[in-house]
Amino acid sequence: MTEEIANAEVIAVYPNKVRVSVDNLLDFQKAVDSLRVGSFLKVSDNDNVSLICIIESFSIEMRAVDGGADSKRVYMIDAYPLGTLKDGRFNRGGDELAIPPKKVVPATKAEIAAIYADAFKAEDRFCFSSLTRQRDINVPVHGDRFFNKHIAVVGASGSGKSSSVSSILQKAISAKNGEYQGLNNSHILIFDLHSEYAAAFPNAQVITVDDLVLPYWLLNEEEMEDMFLESGDNNNYNQEALLRAIITVAKRVANPTVAKVNFDSPLRYDIDHLANALRTLTREKIDSDNSLIIKLKDGTQKEFVDTDDQLTHYCTEKYEFAIKATGVKKGHYADGSIDKFERRVRSKITNSRLGFLFGDKAKNASLEDVLRQFTGYREKLETNVTIIDLSGIPFELLSITVSLISRLMFDFCYFARRAESLTEQPFLMVYEEAHKYAPKSGLARYKASLAAIERIAKEGRKYGISLLISSQRPSEISETIFSQCSNFLAMRLTNPDDQAYVRRLLPDTLGNLTEGMPALEQGEALLIGDAVIMPCVVYVEKCDPEPASSDVKYLTLWKEQWNGIDFSKRANNWRG
């Protein structure tokens, strides 16, 4: 399109908006094939500086002709400034445009393509999308800034969110600096809530609840409390202190050669020692004058050096206490105050559904084996992508599972940086449906996972571990996590609360441009952030293969002949 065809002039310049009038209807009709909401304009002055704007809206005004009674239509275009083009180079923001501007023309396809092509050095470019209206123009991002500054992908169900995440990750694991054979050095861990991503990454290591080894002895204080304490129990304070004391003693018993043992030390211990100590405490009979002396059923007594010595024996020995005797009273915890707590611990560690935490594999696993499992460094099974299939994890343990894995990965990267000074294996943690385990909620059940993910969000970049948050309900995600993201892919959002939440947290001021989110087609998104040269609406390239996230074809299946159900098979799967 030529400058003459546009026949437009700037009539107002605001800090976040430019208003353009087009008074020649014929010329405007010629331009309409190329101009639409989301198209680019170039506003120029006499100093060879151009302001690149994106069209937000059209309107029509009626104006009097030469002060007479006749009137004519004037077409008004409101556009948001994105940056300046000077000497062929685009810069975000900037106030170098001289006022008043002299002319307005639609930016040509070549100019727009040049802006994106010259945005970053060739070695820094990472491309997974193109402009929605001009899909032959690729939109690269700065690869390092995209992955190390946290990413948020948000969109309603059916907007193409999972496919977009898969497309980004597929391109990341296929990128290579050279002609070498084999895997590149990308490391990605995906928390998959609905078993979608295994289909998109056929070479990935998929860890289901049957394969997962997540030893109980790696749980920290918040995770242990979430596991064993009942929310709202009046005795939680005493139970928490008792839990810490017994586990610390159990770790000392199992690791006699370790000089410094703390409650949070990643050391193996026997979970049966915890159960045995609690059982003993609920039945304990002590001397009326000395709580370190216990009275036994056979009429004898045993004296301990101190409380730690007492707990050590309670972990490893079984005692039958006196029923009734002179000078004997119930122990401090034999009054029924921890009976429910003891039963809860026993039921958890004997629950077959929790074998990945308390089973024999978990008891015997080493810290190195656990870390190899999540980092993709298993012997003869090295992979770029590791998928944690959370679909089989009991819902009440979802937060603990996510918390423990996230914390282990952070600590793995943290101590690697401290020991080796350089980060040679940066990790990307992908949290699918993050609002399920990192919500904006004060509930105790989410305390552990929130703390772990928020720590990565706030500190992870320094140690080579970053986030990709994917959610259809961004308004329900912890604001601490979401606000740490510097790159956004905002797909179709129809919920007003979600739209407002995204609009408020986006780092770029785009005014009402975000109001177009409800009308985006599948695969389209507003791409914005530190890694992109300027905000734009893009179409994310289709992934191949695709994740298993297609909708159930209700009517197609309903029209088929009545189909039977194998209830025994389903019930057996249900029972586990």
Protein backbone atom coordinates (compact mmCIF):
# COMPACT_ATOMS: atom_id res chain seq x y z
CA MET A 1 0.00 0.00 0.00
CA THR A 2 1.36 3.43 -0.87
CA GLU A 3 1.33 6.48 1.34
CA GLU A 4 -1.12 8.24 -0.96
CA ILE A 5 -3.72 5.50 -0.63
CA ALA A 6 -3.79 5.81 3.14
CA ASN A 7 -4.72 9.55 3.02
CA ALA A 8 -4.56 9.86 6.81
CA GLU A 9 -3.30 12.32 9.41
CA VAL A 10 -2.65 12.29 13.12
CA ILE A 11 -5.14 14.45 15.01
CA ALA A 12 -4.20 13.56 18.59
CA VAL A 13 -1.24 12.06 20.41
CA TYR A 14 -1.68 10.71 23.96
CA PRO A 15 0.85 8.93 26.19
CA ASN A 16 -0.69 5.56 25.34
CA LYS A 17 -2.72 6.23 22.21
CA VAL A 18 -2.56 7.86 18.77
CA ARG A 19 -5.72 8.96 16.98
CA VAL A 20 -5.70 9.06 13.19
CA SER A 21 -8.40 10.43 10.86
CA VAL A 22 -9.00 9.23 7.30
CA ASP A 23 -11.28 11.58 5.38
CA ASN A 24 -11.17 10.15 1.87
CA LEU A 25 -13.70 7.33 1.79
CA LEU A 26 -12.55 5.96 -1.55
CA ASP A 27 -8.94 5.74 -0.45
CA PHE A 28 -9.98 4.22 2.85
CA GLN A 29 -12.01 1.57 1.05
CA LYS A 30 -8.92 0.66 -0.92
CA ALA A 31 -7.00 0.34 2.34
CA VAL A 32 -9.56 -1.72 4.18
CA ASP A 33 -8.40 -5.01 2.62
CA SER A 34 -5.09 -4.56 4.40
CA LEU A 35 -6.14 -2.70 7.53
CA ARG A 36 -7.97 -4.33 10.39
CA VAL A 37 -7.84 -4.43 14.17
CA GLY A 38 -4.36 -5.71 15.04
CA SER A 39 -2.69 -4.30 11.90
CA PHE A 40 0.33 -2.01 12.17
CA LEU A 41 0.61 1.70 11.32
CA LYS A 42 3.72 3.81 10.80
CA VAL A 43 3.54 7.40 12.04
CA SER A 44 6.45 9.50 10.73
CA ASP A 45 8.02 12.94 11.18
CA ASN A 46 10.65 14.89 9.27
CA ASP A 47 13.56 13.43 11.22
CA ASN A 48 13.32 9.96 9.75
CA VAL A 49 11.80 8.64 12.96
CA SER A 50 8.68 6.49 12.77
CA LEU A 51 6.34 5.40 15.53
CA ILE A 52 5.01 1.87 15.05
CA CYS A 53 1.45 1.50 16.36
CA ILE A 54 -1.05 -1.33 16.47
CA ILE A 55 -4.66 -0.61 15.54
CA GLU A 56 -7.10 -1.07 18.39
CA SER A 57 -10.39 0.23 16.93
CA PHE A 58 -12.21 1.96 14.04
CA SER A 59 -15.01 4.49 14.38
CA ILE A 60 -16.93 6.94 12.19
CA GLU A 61 -17.62 10.59 12.94
CA MET A 62 -19.82 13.04 11.03
CA ARG A 63 -18.21 16.44 10.40
CA ALA A 64 -19.58 19.64 8.87
CA VAL A 65 -18.17 20.66 5.47
CA ASP A 66 -16.71 24.20 5.44
CA GLY A 67 -18.96 25.24 8.30
CA GLY A 68 -22.11 24.62 6.28
CA ALA A 69 -25.07 22.38 6.79
CA ASP A 70 -23.57 19.53 4.82
CA SER A 71 -21.56 16.88 6.60
CA LYS A 72 -19.22 14.07 5.66
CA ARG A 73 -18.02 10.88 7.20
CA VAL A 74 -14.55 10.83 8.75
CA TYR A 75 -13.04 7.50 9.70
CA MET A 76 -11.19 7.46 13.03
CA ILE A 77 -8.49 4.96 13.94
CA ASP A 78 -7.25 4.53 17.51
CA ALA A 79 -3.86 2.85 17.76
CA TYR A 80 -1.50 2.02 20.60
CA PRO A 81 2.19 2.96 20.17
CA LEU A 82 4.64 0.09 20.48
CA GLY A 83 8.01 1.66 19.72
CA THR A 84 10.06 3.75 17.33
CA LEU A 85 11.74 2.83 14.08
CA LYS A 86 14.88 4.88 13.44
CA ASP A 87 17.51 4.19 10.80
CA GLY A 88 15.89 0.83 10.17
CA ARG A 89 16.14 -0.30 13.81
CA PHE A 90 13.14 -0.80 16.10
CA ASN A 91 13.20 0.14 19.79
CA ARG A 92 10.48 -0.50 22.34
CA GLY A 93 8.95 2.67 23.76
CA GLY A 94 10.84 5.88 23.06
CA ASP A 95 9.74 9.51 22.68
CA GLU A 96 11.87 10.63 19.75
CA LEU A 97 8.90 11.41 17.49
CA ALA A 98 8.63 15.13 16.72
CA ILE A 99 5.19 16.70 17.15
CA PRO A 100 3.19 17.12 15.07
CA PRO A 101 3.80 13.99 12.98
CA LYS A 102 3.66 14.60 9.24
CA LYS A 103 2.18 11.42 7.84
CA VAL A 104 0.58 8.10 8.65
CA VAL A 105 0.78 5.01 6.49
CA PRO A 106 0.16 1.32 7.07
CA ALA A 107 3.43 -0.41 7.83
CA THR A 108 4.37 -2.56 4.88
CA LYS A 109 4.78 -6.29 5.15
CA ALA A 110 8.51 -5.92 4.46
CA GLU A 111 8.91 -3.36 7.26
CA ILE A 112 7.10 -5.54 9.79
CA ALA A 113 9.09 -8.61 8.74
CA ALA A 114 12.33 -6.62 9.04
CA ILE A 115 11.44 -5.45 12.56
CA TYR A 116 11.09 -9.04 13.77
CA ALA A 117 13.96 -10.44 11.70
CA ASP A 118 16.41 -7.85 13.04
CA ALA A 119 15.12 -7.96 16.62
CA PHE A 120 17.79 -10.34 17.93
CA LYS A 121 21.03 -11.91 16.80
CA ALA A 122 20.62 -15.14 14.90
CA GLU A 123 22.09 -17.22 17.72
CA ASP A 124 19.66 -15.69 20.24
CA ARG A 125 16.45 -16.25 18.25
CA PHE A 126 13.89 -18.85 19.25
CA CYS A 127 10.78 -19.06 17.09
CA PHE A 128 7.53 -20.90 17.66
CA SER A 129 4.91 -18.51 16.25
CA SER A 130 3.98 -16.13 13.46
CA LEU A 131 1.78 -13.05 13.19
CA THR A 132 -1.88 -14.01 13.23
CA ARG A 133 -2.83 -11.78 10.28
CA GLN A 134 0.37 -12.43 8.32
CA ARG A 135 1.39 -15.98 9.08
CA ASP A 136 4.36 -15.89 6.75
CA ILE A 137 6.05 -13.42 9.14
CA ASN A 138 7.76 -15.30 11.95
CA VAL A 139 7.87 -13.78 15.42
CA PRO A 140 11.10 -14.76 17.21
CA VAL A 141 11.73 -14.29 20.91
CA HIS A 142 15.07 -13.94 22.66
CA GLY A 143 15.63 -17.55 23.67
CA ASP A 144 17.61 -16.95 26.85
CA ARG A 145 15.31 -14.21 28.12
CA PHE A 146 12.24 -16.29 27.26
CA PHE A 147 13.21 -19.37 29.26
CA ASN A 148 15.13 -17.90 32.19
CA LYS A 149 12.59 -15.23 33.19
CA HIS A 150 9.60 -17.53 33.78
CA ILE A 151 6.70 -18.04 31.37
CA ALA A 152 2.94 -17.98 31.87
CA VAL A 153 0.62 -19.63 29.32
CA VAL A 154 -3.02 -18.92 30.11
CA GLY A 155 -6.19 -19.71 28.22
CA ALA A 156 -9.63 -21.20 28.59
CA SER A 157 -10.27 -24.87 27.92
CA GLY A 158 -10.09 -25.50 24.17
CA SER A 159 -7.97 -22.43 23.38
CA GLY A 160 -4.96 -24.55 22.37
CA LYS A 161 -3.01 -24.13 25.59
CA SER A 162 -1.59 -27.66 25.87
CA SER A 163 -0.73 -27.73 22.16
CA SER A 164 1.06 -24.39 22.45
CA VAL A 165 3.08 -25.56 25.44
CA SER A 166 3.97 -28.76 23.55
CA SER A 167 4.99 -26.79 20.45
CA ILE A 168 7.31 -24.56 22.50
CA LEU A 169 8.93 -27.50 24.26
CA GLN A 170 9.27 -29.59 21.09
CA LYS A 171 11.18 -26.77 19.42
CA ALA A 172 13.34 -26.33 22.51
CA ILE A 173 14.47 -29.97 22.61
CA SER A 174 15.16 -30.00 18.87
CA ALA A 175 17.27 -26.80 18.83
CA LYS A 176 20.97 -27.43 18.25
CA ASN A 177 24.08 -25.30 18.04
CA GLY A 178 25.95 -27.35 15.48
CA GLU A 179 25.59 -30.62 13.61
CA TYR A 180 26.14 -33.06 16.47
CA GLN A 181 24.09 -36.23 16.83
CA GLY A 182 21.94 -37.17 19.81
CA LEU A 183 20.23 -35.13 22.50
CA ASN A 184 20.79 -31.45 23.05
CA ASN A 185 21.35 -30.19 26.60
CA SER A 186 17.74 -29.19 27.36
CA HIS A 187 16.19 -30.44 30.60
CA ILE A 188 12.44 -30.19 31.10
CA LEU A 189 10.24 -31.59 33.87
CA ILE A 190 6.48 -31.57 33.25
CA PHE A 191 3.82 -32.01 35.93
CA ASP A 192 1.03 -33.58 33.88
CA LEU A 193 -2.33 -33.62 35.65
CA HIS A 194 -4.38 -35.31 32.90
CA SER A 195 -1.94 -37.67 31.15
CA GLU A 196 -1.79 -35.44 28.07
CA TYR A 197 1.88 -34.90 27.30
CA ALA A 198 3.19 -38.44 26.84
CA ALA A 199 1.64 -38.47 23.35
CA ALA A 200 3.44 -35.22 22.42
CA PHE A 201 6.85 -36.48 23.63
CA PRO A 202 7.21 -40.14 22.61
CA ASN A 203 10.87 -40.23 23.73
CA ALA A 204 10.18 -38.73 27.14
CA GLN A 205 10.55 -40.56 30.41
CA VAL A 206 7.02 -40.92 31.79
CA ILE A 207 6.82 -41.54 35.53
CA THR A 208 3.43 -42.81 36.72
CA VAL A 209 2.39 -43.54 40.28
CA ASP A 210 3.50 -47.16 39.70
CA ASP A 211 7.05 -46.06 38.77
CA LEU A 212 7.41 -43.05 41.04
CA VAL A 213 9.85 -43.32 43.94
CA LEU A 214 9.48 -40.41 46.31
CA PRO A 215 10.90 -41.44 49.70
CA TYR A 216 9.17 -40.26 52.86
CA TRP A 217 12.55 -39.53 54.43
CA LEU A 218 12.95 -36.55 52.08
CA LEU A 219 9.79 -34.81 53.31
CA ASN A 220 10.38 -31.49 55.06
CA GLU A 221 8.44 -30.03 57.98
CA GLU A 222 5.54 -28.56 55.97
CA GLU A 223 5.17 -31.74 53.93
CA MET A 224 5.24 -33.99 56.99
CA GLU A 225 2.61 -31.82 58.67
CA ASP A 226 0.46 -31.92 55.55
CA MET A 227 0.86 -35.69 55.44
CA PHE A 228 0.16 -36.59 59.05
CA LEU A 229 -1.54 -33.71 60.87
CA GLU A 230 -5.26 -33.08 60.62
CA SER A 231 -6.28 -29.51 59.84
CA GLY A 232 -8.10 -27.91 62.76
CA ASP A 233 -6.96 -30.42 65.38
CA ASN A 234 -6.45 -28.63 68.70
CA ASN A 235 -3.45 -30.85 69.49
CA ASN A 236 -1.58 -30.02 66.30
CA TYR A 237 1.04 -27.98 68.12
CA ASN A 238 1.99 -30.86 70.44
CA GLN A 239 1.80 -33.38 67.61
CA GLU A 240 4.07 -31.27 65.43
CA ALA A 241 6.72 -30.97 68.16
CA LEU A 242 6.50 -34.70 68.86
CA LEU A 243 6.80 -35.55 65.18
CA ARG A 244 9.97 -33.46 64.85
CA ALA A 245 11.52 -34.99 67.94
CA ILE A 246 10.86 -38.61 66.97
CA ILE A 247 11.96 -38.26 63.33
CA THR A 248 15.18 -36.51 64.37
CA VAL A 249 15.93 -39.38 66.76
CA ALA A 250 15.01 -41.98 64.12
CA LYS A 251 17.46 -40.38 61.68
CA ARG A 252 20.21 -40.51 64.30
CA VAL A 253 19.47 -44.18 64.94
CA ALA A 254 19.69 -44.97 61.21
CA ASN A 255 22.80 -42.83 60.62
CA PRO A 256 25.12 -43.32 63.62
CA THR A 257 28.22 -42.19 61.72
CA VAL A 258 26.77 -38.82 60.67
CA ALA A 259 27.91 -36.10 63.06
CA LYS A 260 25.20 -33.52 62.44
CA VAL A 261 21.65 -34.76 62.04
CA ASN A 262 18.67 -32.39 61.83
CA PHE A 263 14.98 -32.91 61.21
CA ASP A 264 15.32 -31.69 57.58
CA SER A 265 18.54 -33.61 56.82
CA PRO A 266 18.02 -35.74 53.65
CA LEU A 267 18.94 -38.94 55.49
CA ARG A 268 17.19 -42.29 55.38
CA TYR A 269 15.43 -43.62 58.44
CA ASP A 270 12.94 -46.40 59.16
CA ILE A 271 9.35 -45.12 59.10
CA ASP A 272 8.38 -48.10 61.28
CA HIS A 273 10.47 -46.53 64.03
CA LEU A 274 8.14 -43.51 63.99
CA ALA A 275 5.06 -45.74 64.17
CA ASN A 276 6.56 -47.84 66.95
CA ALA A 277 7.51 -44.79 69.04
CA LEU A 278 4.03 -43.32 68.75
CA ARG A 279 2.41 -46.64 69.65
CA THR A 280 4.65 -46.90 72.71
CA LEU A 281 3.87 -43.34 73.82
CA THR A 282 0.11 -43.97 73.68
CA ARG A 283 0.54 -46.91 76.11
CA GLU A 284 3.37 -45.59 78.26
CA LYS A 285 3.35 -46.06 82.06
CA ILE A 286 5.92 -44.09 84.03
CA ASP A 287 7.06 -43.73 87.60
CA SER A 288 4.96 -41.19 89.51
CA ASP A 289 8.07 -39.26 90.54
CA ASN A 290 10.38 -39.69 87.52
CA SER A 291 9.13 -39.64 83.92
CA LEU A 292 12.41 -41.20 82.72
CA ILE A 293 11.54 -44.44 84.52
CA ILE A 294 8.99 -46.72 82.86
CA LYS A 295 7.11 -49.55 84.58
CA LEU A 296 6.81 -52.80 82.66
CA LYS A 297 4.22 -55.58 82.73
CA ASP A 298 6.59 -58.14 84.24
CA GLY A 299 7.07 -55.94 87.31
CA THR A 300 10.47 -54.57 86.29
CA GLN A 301 11.35 -51.02 85.36
CA LYS A 302 13.73 -49.31 83.00
CA GLU A 303 15.41 -45.94 83.46
CA PHE A 304 16.62 -43.73 80.60
CA VAL A 305 19.40 -41.14 80.57
CA ASP A 306 17.29 -38.39 79.01
CA THR A 307 14.36 -37.84 76.66
CA ASP A 308 16.42 -38.56 73.53
CA ASP A 309 17.60 -41.84 75.02
CA GLN A 310 14.00 -42.68 75.86
CA LEU A 311 12.76 -41.92 72.31
CA THR A 312 15.67 -43.90 70.86
CA HIS A 313 14.53 -47.01 72.72
CA TYR A 314 10.88 -46.33 71.88
CA CYS A 315 11.81 -46.32 68.19
CA THR A 316 13.63 -49.62 68.24
CA GLU A 317 12.13 -51.62 71.12
CA LYS A 318 8.65 -52.89 71.93
CA TYR A 319 7.48 -52.64 75.54
CA GLU A 320 4.55 -54.14 77.45
CA PHE A 321 3.67 -51.75 80.24
CA ALA A 322 2.25 -52.39 83.69
CA ILE A 323 -1.53 -52.28 83.82
CA LYS A 324 -2.02 -51.24 87.44
CA ALA A 325 0.66 -50.82 90.06
CA THR A 326 1.58 -48.66 93.02
CA GLY A 327 3.54 -45.53 92.14
CA VAL A 328 2.65 -45.75 88.42
CA LYS A 329 0.86 -43.23 86.24
CA LYS A 330 0.11 -42.76 82.57
CA GLY A 331 2.78 -41.15 80.39
CA HIS A 332 2.43 -37.60 79.07
CA TYR A 333 0.93 -38.81 75.76
CA ALA A 334 -1.03 -41.80 77.11
CA ASP A 335 -4.04 -39.66 77.95
CA GLY A 336 -5.62 -40.10 74.51
CA SER A 337 -4.33 -36.79 73.13
CA ILE A 338 -2.31 -38.44 70.34
CA ASP A 339 -4.37 -41.58 69.77
CA LYS A 340 -5.93 -40.26 66.54
CA PHE A 341 -2.53 -38.98 65.45
CA GLU A 342 -0.97 -42.41 66.00
CA ARG A 343 -3.74 -44.14 64.05
CA ARG A 344 -3.43 -41.62 61.23
CA VAL A 345 0.32 -42.23 60.91
CA ARG A 346 -0.15 -45.99 60.95
CA SER A 347 -2.91 -45.90 58.33
CA LYS A 348 -0.83 -43.72 56.01
CA ILE A 349 2.33 -45.82 56.06
CA THR A 350 0.40 -49.06 55.53
CA ASN A 351 -1.79 -47.69 52.71
CA SER A 352 -0.93 -49.56 49.49
CA ARG A 353 -1.90 -46.50 47.40
CA LEU A 354 1.00 -44.63 49.01
CA GLY A 355 3.61 -47.21 48.09
CA PHE A 356 5.58 -44.61 46.12
CA LEU A 357 6.20 -42.85 49.47
CA PHE A 358 6.34 -45.63 52.07
CA GLY A 359 6.97 -48.82 50.07
CA ASP A 360 10.14 -50.88 49.95
CA LYS A 361 11.51 -48.99 46.93
CA ALA A 362 11.14 -45.69 48.77
CA LYS A 363 12.77 -47.11 51.92
CA ASN A 364 15.80 -48.41 50.03
CA ALA A 365 16.25 -45.66 47.42
CA SER A 366 19.28 -43.39 47.56
CA LEU A 367 19.18 -39.62 47.09
CA GLU A 368 21.20 -40.05 43.88
CA ASP A 369 18.64 -42.49 42.44
CA VAL A 370 15.77 -40.13 43.23
CA LEU A 371 17.54 -37.22 41.53
CA ARG A 372 18.40 -39.26 38.42
CA GLN A 373 14.72 -40.17 38.15
CA PHE A 374 13.58 -36.53 37.85
CA THR A 375 16.49 -35.08 35.88
CA GLY A 376 16.38 -37.51 32.95
CA TYR A 377 19.81 -38.99 33.74
CA ARG A 378 18.81 -42.59 34.33
CA GLU A 379 21.32 -45.12 33.06
CA LYS A 380 20.60 -45.98 29.39
CA LEU A 381 17.43 -43.85 29.60
CA GLU A 382 18.72 -40.29 29.21
CA THR A 383 15.98 -37.96 28.01
CA ASN A 384 15.35 -34.24 27.52
CA VAL A 385 11.83 -34.43 28.91
CA THR A 386 10.61 -36.12 32.09
CA ILE A 387 6.84 -36.28 32.61
CA ILE A 388 5.40 -36.77 36.08
CA ASP A 389 1.95 -38.26 35.47
CA LEU A 390 -0.05 -36.94 38.42
CA SER A 391 -3.33 -38.54 37.33
CA GLY A 392 -2.80 -41.55 39.59
CA ILE A 393 -1.68 -39.60 42.66
CA PRO A 394 -4.34 -39.46 45.42
CA PHE A 395 -5.77 -35.94 45.42
CA GLU A 396 -4.94 -35.35 49.07
CA LEU A 397 -1.25 -35.98 48.27
CA LEU A 398 -1.08 -33.89 45.10
CA SER A 399 0.31 -30.85 46.90
CA ILE A 400 2.91 -32.91 48.79
CA THR A 401 4.07 -34.67 45.62
CA VAL A 402 4.47 -31.43 43.66
CA SER A 403 6.11 -29.74 46.63
CA LEU A 404 8.68 -32.45 47.27
CA ILE A 405 9.72 -32.83 43.62
CA SER A 406 9.91 -29.04 43.13
CA ARG A 407 11.96 -28.59 46.29
CA LEU A 408 14.34 -31.40 45.36
CA MET A 409 14.91 -29.87 41.93
CA PHE A 410 15.54 -26.43 43.41
CA ASP A 411 18.01 -27.81 45.95
CA PHE A 412 19.67 -29.90 43.22
CA CYS A 413 20.29 -26.76 41.14
CA TYR A 414 21.18 -24.68 44.22
CA PHE A 415 23.90 -27.01 45.45
CA ALA A 416 25.17 -27.57 41.90
CA ARG A 417 25.69 -23.81 41.57
CA ARG A 418 27.44 -23.64 44.93
CA ALA A 419 29.69 -26.61 44.22
CA GLU A 420 30.45 -26.01 40.56
CA SER A 421 30.07 -22.19 40.29
CA LEU A 422 28.54 -22.52 36.80
CA THR A 423 25.10 -23.78 35.79
CA GLU A 424 25.70 -26.26 32.97
CA GLN A 425 22.27 -27.92 33.06
CA PRO A 426 19.47 -25.35 33.48
CA PHE A 427 16.04 -26.88 34.14
CA LEU A 428 12.56 -25.78 33.11
CA MET A 429 9.70 -26.84 35.39
CA VAL A 430 6.35 -27.00 33.58
CA TYR A 431 3.29 -26.82 35.84
CA GLU A 432 0.18 -27.83 33.90
CA GLU A 433 -3.12 -26.66 35.46
CA ALA A 434 -1.11 -24.85 38.11
CA HIS A 435 -4.21 -23.51 39.86
CA LYS A 436 -4.86 -27.05 41.13
CA TYR A 437 -1.83 -27.12 43.45
CA ALA A 438 -0.59 -23.51 43.59
CA PRO A 439 -3.80 -21.56 44.18
CA LYS A 440 -4.37 -18.18 45.70
CA SER A 441 -5.60 -19.86 48.86
CA GLY A 442 -4.86 -19.89 52.56
CA LEU A 443 -5.78 -23.55 52.97
CA ALA A 444 -3.19 -25.64 54.83
CA ARG A 445 -3.30 -28.38 52.17
CA TYR A 446 -1.58 -26.09 49.65
CA LYS A 447 1.02 -24.65 52.03
CA ALA A 448 3.82 -27.00 51.00
CA SER A 449 3.42 -26.79 47.21
CA LEU A 450 2.93 -23.01 47.30
CA ALA A 451 6.12 -22.53 49.30
CA ALA A 452 8.16 -24.72 46.93
CA ILE A 453 6.90 -23.16 43.68
CA GLU A 454 7.06 -19.61 45.04
CA ARG A 455 10.67 -20.19 46.01
CA ILE A 456 11.52 -21.21 42.44
CA ALA A 457 9.59 -18.21 41.11
CA LYS A 458 11.49 -15.77 43.34
CA GLU A 459 14.98 -17.29 43.44
CA GLY A 460 15.22 -19.98 40.74
CA ARG A 461 16.71 -17.85 37.97
CA LYS A 462 19.97 -17.41 39.92
CA TYR A 463 20.46 -21.16 40.10
CA GLY A 464 19.35 -22.25 36.64
CA ILE A 465 15.78 -23.38 37.34
CA SER A 466 12.78 -21.59 35.84
CA LEU A 467 9.02 -22.01 35.53
CA LEU A 468 6.42 -22.39 32.83
CA ILE A 469 3.00 -21.91 34.42
CA SER A 470 0.01 -23.14 32.40
CA SER A 471 -3.52 -22.53 33.62
CA GLN A 472 -7.08 -21.93 32.45
CA ARG A 473 -7.84 -19.96 35.63
CA PRO A 474 -5.04 -17.40 36.14
CA SER A 475 -7.14 -15.49 38.69
CA GLU A 476 -6.90 -18.53 40.99
CA ILE A 477 -3.09 -18.83 40.85
CA SER A 478 -0.90 -17.45 43.62
CA GLU A 479 -0.17 -13.85 42.74
CA THR A 480 3.38 -14.24 44.04
CA ILE A 481 4.07 -16.90 41.40
CA PHE A 482 2.22 -15.28 38.52
CA SER A 483 3.70 -11.82 39.07
CA GLN A 484 7.23 -13.23 38.80
CA CYS A 485 6.60 -14.30 35.20
CA SER A 486 8.15 -11.95 32.65
CA ASN A 487 6.81 -13.58 29.48
CA PHE A 488 3.15 -14.22 28.75
CA LEU A 489 1.21 -16.16 26.17
CA ALA A 490 -2.40 -15.09 26.80
CA MET A 491 -4.80 -17.20 24.77
CA ARG A 492 -8.60 -17.02 24.67
CA LEU A 493 -10.00 -16.10 28.07
CA THR A 494 -13.73 -15.66 28.55
CA ASN A 495 -13.98 -15.26 32.31
CA PRO A 496 -13.98 -11.53 33.24
CA ASP A 497 -12.02 -12.19 36.45
CA ASP A 498 -9.29 -14.00 34.52
CA GLN A 499 -9.13 -11.23 31.90
CA ALA A 500 -8.84 -8.54 34.57
CA TYR A 501 -6.19 -10.53 36.44
CA VAL A 502 -4.01 -10.96 33.35
CA ARG A 503 -4.50 -7.32 32.33
CA ARG A 504 -3.43 -6.09 35.75
CA LEU A 505 -0.27 -8.20 35.92
CA LEU A 506 1.00 -7.84 32.37
CA PRO A 507 4.21 -5.78 32.41
CA ASP A 508 3.37 -3.81 29.24
CA THR A 509 0.65 -1.16 29.15
CA LEU A 510 -1.55 -2.15 26.23
CA GLY A 511 -4.79 -0.54 27.33
CA ASN A 512 -7.83 -2.18 25.83
CA LEU A 513 -5.89 -4.41 23.44
CA THR A 514 -6.29 -7.25 25.94
CA GLU A 515 -10.06 -7.00 25.51
CA GLY A 516 -9.62 -8.99 22.31
CA MET A 517 -8.71 -12.13 24.30
CA PRO A 518 -12.28 -13.54 24.32
CA ALA A 519 -12.33 -13.49 20.49
CA LEU A 520 -9.02 -15.24 19.86
CA GLU A 521 -9.21 -18.41 17.79
CA GLN A 522 -7.67 -21.73 18.83
CA GLY A 523 -3.89 -21.42 18.73
CA GLU A 524 -3.90 -17.60 18.74
CA ALA A 525 -2.40 -15.70 21.64
CA LEU A 526 -1.22 -12.33 22.81
CA LEU A 527 2.56 -12.68 23.11
CA ILE A 528 4.13 -10.16 25.42
CA GLY A 529 7.13 -9.84 27.72
CA ASP A 530 10.83 -9.16 28.06
CA ALA A 531 11.77 -11.72 25.39
CA VAL A 532 9.70 -10.30 22.51
CA ILE A 533 10.62 -7.16 20.56
CA MET A 534 7.07 -5.82 20.79
CA PRO A 535 3.70 -7.17 21.94
CA CYS A 536 1.66 -8.80 19.21
CA VAL A 537 -1.08 -11.30 18.50
CA VAL A 538 0.52 -14.48 17.19
CA TYR A 539 -0.45 -17.88 15.92
CA VAL A 540 1.50 -20.65 17.65
CA GLU A 541 2.74 -23.29 15.24
CA LYS A 542 1.04 -26.66 15.58
CA CYS A 543 2.94 -29.25 17.50
CA ASP A 544 3.76 -32.65 16.05
CA PRO A 545 2.87 -35.02 17.58
CA GLU A 546 0.02 -33.47 19.53
CA PRO A 547 -0.84 -34.02 23.20
CA ALA A 548 -3.77 -36.26 24.07
CA SER A 549 -6.00 -33.32 24.95
CA SER A 550 -8.71 -33.54 22.29
CA ASP A 551 -12.30 -33.23 23.43
CA VAL A 552 -14.58 -36.24 23.65
CA LYS A 553 -16.80 -36.39 20.57
CA TYR A 554 -20.11 -36.72 22.36
CA LEU A 555 -22.61 -36.65 19.52
CA THR A 556 -20.41 -38.78 17.26
CA LEU A 557 -20.19 -41.48 19.92
CA TRP A 558 -23.84 -41.17 20.93
CA LYS A 559 -24.94 -41.85 17.36
CA GLU A 560 -23.17 -45.21 17.38
CA GLN A 561 -24.78 -48.48 18.44
CA TRP A 562 -25.13 -49.14 22.18
CA ASN A 563 -21.74 -50.17 23.57
CA GLY A 564 -21.16 -52.39 26.60
CA ILE A 565 -19.05 -51.59 29.66
CA ASP A 566 -16.62 -53.97 31.39
CA PHE A 567 -17.56 -53.06 34.96
CA SER A 568 -15.17 -55.58 36.50
CA LYS A 569 -12.19 -54.09 34.70
CA ARG A 570 -13.13 -50.54 35.66
CA ALA A 571 -13.79 -51.52 39.27
CA ASN A 572 -10.45 -53.32 39.51
CA ASN A 573 -8.64 -50.27 38.15
CA TRP A 574 -10.55 -48.12 40.61
CA ARG A 575 -9.60 -50.32 43.54
CA GLY A 576 -5.99 -50.21 42.42
